[in-house]
C-alpha atoms as a PDB file:
ATOM      1  CA  UNK A   1     112.301 122.068  99.350  1.00  0.00           C
ATOM      2  CA  UNK A   2     112.803 120.962  95.749  1.00  0.00           C
ATOM      3  CA  UNK A   3     110.612 118.381  94.061  1.00  0.00           C
ATOM      4  CA  UNK A   4     113.654 116.108  93.758  1.00  0.00           C
ATOM      5  CA  UNK A   5     114.250 116.157  97.530  1.00  0.00           C
ATOM      6  CA  UNK A   6     110.591 115.539  98.219  1.00  0.00           C
ATOM      7  CA  UNK A   7     110.436 112.679  95.703  1.00  0.00           C
ATOM      8  CA  UNK A   8     113.611 111.121  97.083  1.00  0.00           C
ATOM      9  CA  UNK A   9     112.185 111.221 100.591  1.00  0.00           C
ATOM     10  CA  UNK A  10     109.014 109.550  99.352  1.00  0.00           C
ATOM     11  CA  UNK A  11     110.981 106.749  97.657  1.00  0.00           C
ATOM     12  CA  UNK A  12     113.073 106.297 100.806  1.00  0.00           C
ATOM     13  CA  UNK A  13     109.921 105.859 102.908  1.00  0.00           C
ATOM     14  CA  UNK A  14     108.597 103.340 100.364  1.00  0.00           C
ATOM     15  CA  UNK A  15     111.839 101.339 100.525  1.00  0.00           C
ATOM     16  CA  UNK A  16     111.692 101.272 104.337  1.00  0.00           C
ATOM     17  CA  UNK A  17     108.057 100.068 104.267  1.00  0.00           C
ATOM     18  CA  UNK A  18     108.983  97.387 101.713  1.00  0.00           C
ATOM     19  CA  UNK A  19     111.981  96.254 103.799  1.00  0.00           C
ATOM     20  CA  UNK A  20     109.844  95.932 106.953  1.00  0.00           C
ATOM     21  CA  UNK A  21     107.224  94.008 105.003  1.00  0.00           C
ATOM     22  CA  UNK A  22     109.883  91.684 103.582  1.00  0.00           C
ATOM     23  CA  UNK A  23     110.957  90.817 107.120  1.00  0.00           C
ATOM     24  CA  UNK A  24     107.328  90.126 108.055  1.00  0.00           C
ATOM     25  CA  UNK A  25     106.853  88.000 104.899  1.00  0.00           C
ATOM     26  CA  UNK A  26     109.921  85.905 105.698  1.00  0.00           C
ATOM     27  CA  UNK A  27     108.602  85.292 109.213  1.00  0.00           C
ATOM     28  CA  UNK A  28     105.375  84.067 107.612  1.00  0.00           C
ATOM     29  CA  UNK A  29     107.386  81.691 105.433  1.00  0.00           C
ATOM     30  CA  UNK A  30     107.333  83.425 102.056  1.00  0.00           C
ATOM     31  CA  UNK A  31     108.773  86.388 100.199  1.00  0.00           C
ATOM     32  CA  UNK A  32     107.331  89.352  98.346  1.00  0.00           C
ATOM     33  CA  UNK A  33     108.044  88.676  94.649  1.00  0.00           C
ATOM     34  CA  UNK A  34     110.247  91.245  92.943  1.00  0.00           C
ATOM     35  CA  UNK A  35     109.265  90.681  89.292  1.00  0.00           C
ATOM     36  CA  UNK A  36     105.665  91.933  89.637  1.00  0.00           C
ATOM     37  CA  UNK A  37     106.986  95.021  91.427  1.00  0.00           C
ATOM     38  CA  UNK A  38     109.442  95.721  88.613  1.00  0.00           C
ATOM     39  CA  UNK A  39     106.747  95.195  85.937  1.00  0.00           C
ATOM     40  CA  UNK A  40     104.301  97.447  87.758  1.00  0.00           C
ATOM     41  CA  UNK A  41     106.976 100.135  88.174  1.00  0.00           C
ATOM     42  CA  UNK A  42     107.856  99.957  84.461  1.00  0.00           C
ATOM     43  CA  UNK A  43     104.180 100.256  83.451  1.00  0.00           C
ATOM     44  CA  UNK A  44     103.570 103.167  85.842  1.00  0.00           C
ATOM     45  CA  UNK A  45     106.695 104.997  84.629  1.00  0.00           C
ATOM     46  CA  UNK A  46     105.619 104.553  80.994  1.00  0.00           C
ATOM     47  CA  UNK A  47     102.114 105.790  81.729  1.00  0.00           C
ATOM     48  CA  UNK A  48     103.481 108.736  83.708  1.00  0.00           C
ATOM     49  CA  UNK A  49     105.781 109.669  80.812  1.00  0.00           C
ATOM     50  CA  UNK A  50     102.925 109.600  78.314  1.00  0.00           C
ATOM     51  CA  UNK A  51     100.187 111.276  80.321  1.00  0.00           C
ATOM     52  CA  UNK A  52     102.318 113.847  82.157  1.00  0.00           C
ATOM     53  CA  UNK A  53     103.803 114.925  78.834  1.00  0.00           C
ATOM     54  CA  UNK A  54     100.299 115.199  77.346  1.00  0.00           C
ATOM     55  CA  UNK A  55      98.996 117.225  80.302  1.00  0.00           C
ATOM     56  CA  UNK A  56     101.985 119.562  80.333  1.00  0.00           C
ATOM     57  CA  UNK A  57     101.725 120.035  76.554  1.00  0.00           C
ATOM     58  CA  UNK A  58      98.029 120.863  76.959  1.00  0.00           C
ATOM     59  CA  UNK A  59      98.930 123.511  79.493  1.00  0.00           C
ATOM     60  CA  UNK A  60      97.038 121.924  82.379  1.00  0.00           C
ATOM     61  CA  UNK A  61      99.963 122.535  84.717  1.00  0.00           C
ATOM     62  CA  UNK A  62     103.592 123.657  84.737  1.00  0.00           C
ATOM     63  CA  UNK A  63     106.577 123.467  87.063  1.00  0.00           C
ATOM     64  CA  UNK A  64     108.624 126.362  88.387  1.00  0.00           C
ATOM     65  CA  UNK A  65     112.148 126.007  87.029  1.00  0.00           C
ATOM     66  CA  UNK A  66     113.599 126.838  90.434  1.00  0.00           C
ATOM     67  CA  UNK A  67     112.129 123.664  91.949  1.00  0.00           C
ATOM     68  CA  UNK A  68     112.980 121.056  89.297  1.00  0.00           C
ATOM     69  CA  UNK A  69     116.316 119.482  88.388  1.00  0.00           C
ATOM     70  CA  UNK A  70     115.978 120.282  84.688  1.00  0.00           C
ATOM     71  CA  UNK A  71     116.120 116.625  83.598  1.00  0.00           C
ATOM     72  CA  UNK A  72     113.014 115.605  81.718  1.00  0.00           C
ATOM     73  CA  UNK A  73     111.501 112.548  80.123  1.00  0.00           C
ATOM     74  CA  UNK A  74     109.327 113.952  77.398  1.00  0.00           C
ATOM     75  CA  UNK A  75     108.015 117.148  78.996  1.00  0.00           C
ATOM     76  CA  UNK A  76     107.762 115.598  82.489  1.00  0.00           C
ATOM     77  CA  UNK A  77     110.526 116.384  84.977  1.00  0.00           C
ATOM     78  CA  UNK A  78     112.223 113.276  86.397  1.00  0.00           C
ATOM     79  CA  UNK A  79     110.881 114.239  89.820  1.00  0.00           C
ATOM     80  CA  UNK A  80     107.402 113.252  88.636  1.00  0.00           C
ATOM     81  CA  UNK A  81     108.535 109.651  88.321  1.00  0.00           C
ATOM     82  CA  UNK A  82     109.306 109.275  92.015  1.00  0.00           C
ATOM     83  CA  UNK A  83     105.602 108.975  92.857  1.00  0.00           C
ATOM     84  CA  UNK A  84     104.774 105.953  90.671  1.00  0.00           C
ATOM     85  CA  UNK A  85     108.083 104.302  91.608  1.00  0.00           C
ATOM     86  CA  UNK A  86     107.388 104.776  95.320  1.00  0.00           C
ATOM     87  CA  UNK A  87     103.879 103.417  94.824  1.00  0.00           C
ATOM     88  CA  UNK A  88     105.151 100.296  93.037  1.00  0.00           C
ATOM     89  CA  UNK A  89     107.695  99.699  95.805  1.00  0.00           C
ATOM     90  CA  UNK A  90     105.445 100.335  98.796  1.00  0.00           C
ATOM     91  CA  UNK A  91     102.093  98.808  97.795  1.00  0.00           C
ATOM     92  CA  UNK A  92     103.169  95.146  97.865  1.00  0.00           C
ATOM     93  CA  UNK A  93     104.729  95.798 101.262  1.00  0.00           C
ATOM     94  CA  UNK A  94     101.596  97.448 102.578  1.00  0.00           C
ATOM     95  CA  UNK A  95      99.541  94.541 101.220  1.00  0.00           C
ATOM     96  CA  UNK A  96     101.800  92.110 103.075  1.00  0.00           C
ATOM     97  CA  UNK A  97     101.582  94.103 106.299  1.00  0.00           C
ATOM     98  CA  UNK A  98      97.800  94.161 105.997  1.00  0.00           C
ATOM     99  CA  UNK A  99      97.746  90.406 105.381  1.00  0.00           C
ATOM    100  CA  UNK A 100      97.490  89.497 109.040  1.00  0.00           C
ATOM    101  CA  UNK A 101      94.402  91.662 109.448  1.00  0.00           C
ATOM    102  CA  UNK A 102      92.877  90.155 106.306  1.00  0.00           C
ATOM    103  CA  UNK A 103      93.463  86.642 107.677  1.00  0.00           C
ATOM    104  CA  UNK A 104      91.948  87.602 111.038  1.00  0.00           C
ATOM    105  CA  UNK A 105      88.892  89.156 109.367  1.00  0.00           C
ATOM    106  CA  UNK A 106      88.268  86.029 107.265  1.00  0.00           C
ATOM    107  CA  UNK A 107      88.257  83.630 110.204  1.00  0.00           C
END
């Protein structure tokens, strides 16, 4: 399996979690805001670009050419960006899904 396929699968799972959480949020009478998700994703992508490039340049790790698409941002393959994007998508959804348990624990 290539890193691109693995990353795409991860983002797909994150989108499904977020969609389920959005349904739950609407039932609770609110929505999960999109702007904070977009800002978090942008910040995580920027940090990934900077620090992955630095770590690859320092020789801390490398990618086998057979498993990457060849597209890069800095020295980091685009596949590396699927992880922070999936995190930014899924975490607000997971927080929403955990909200009922938080409310139960507080009362």
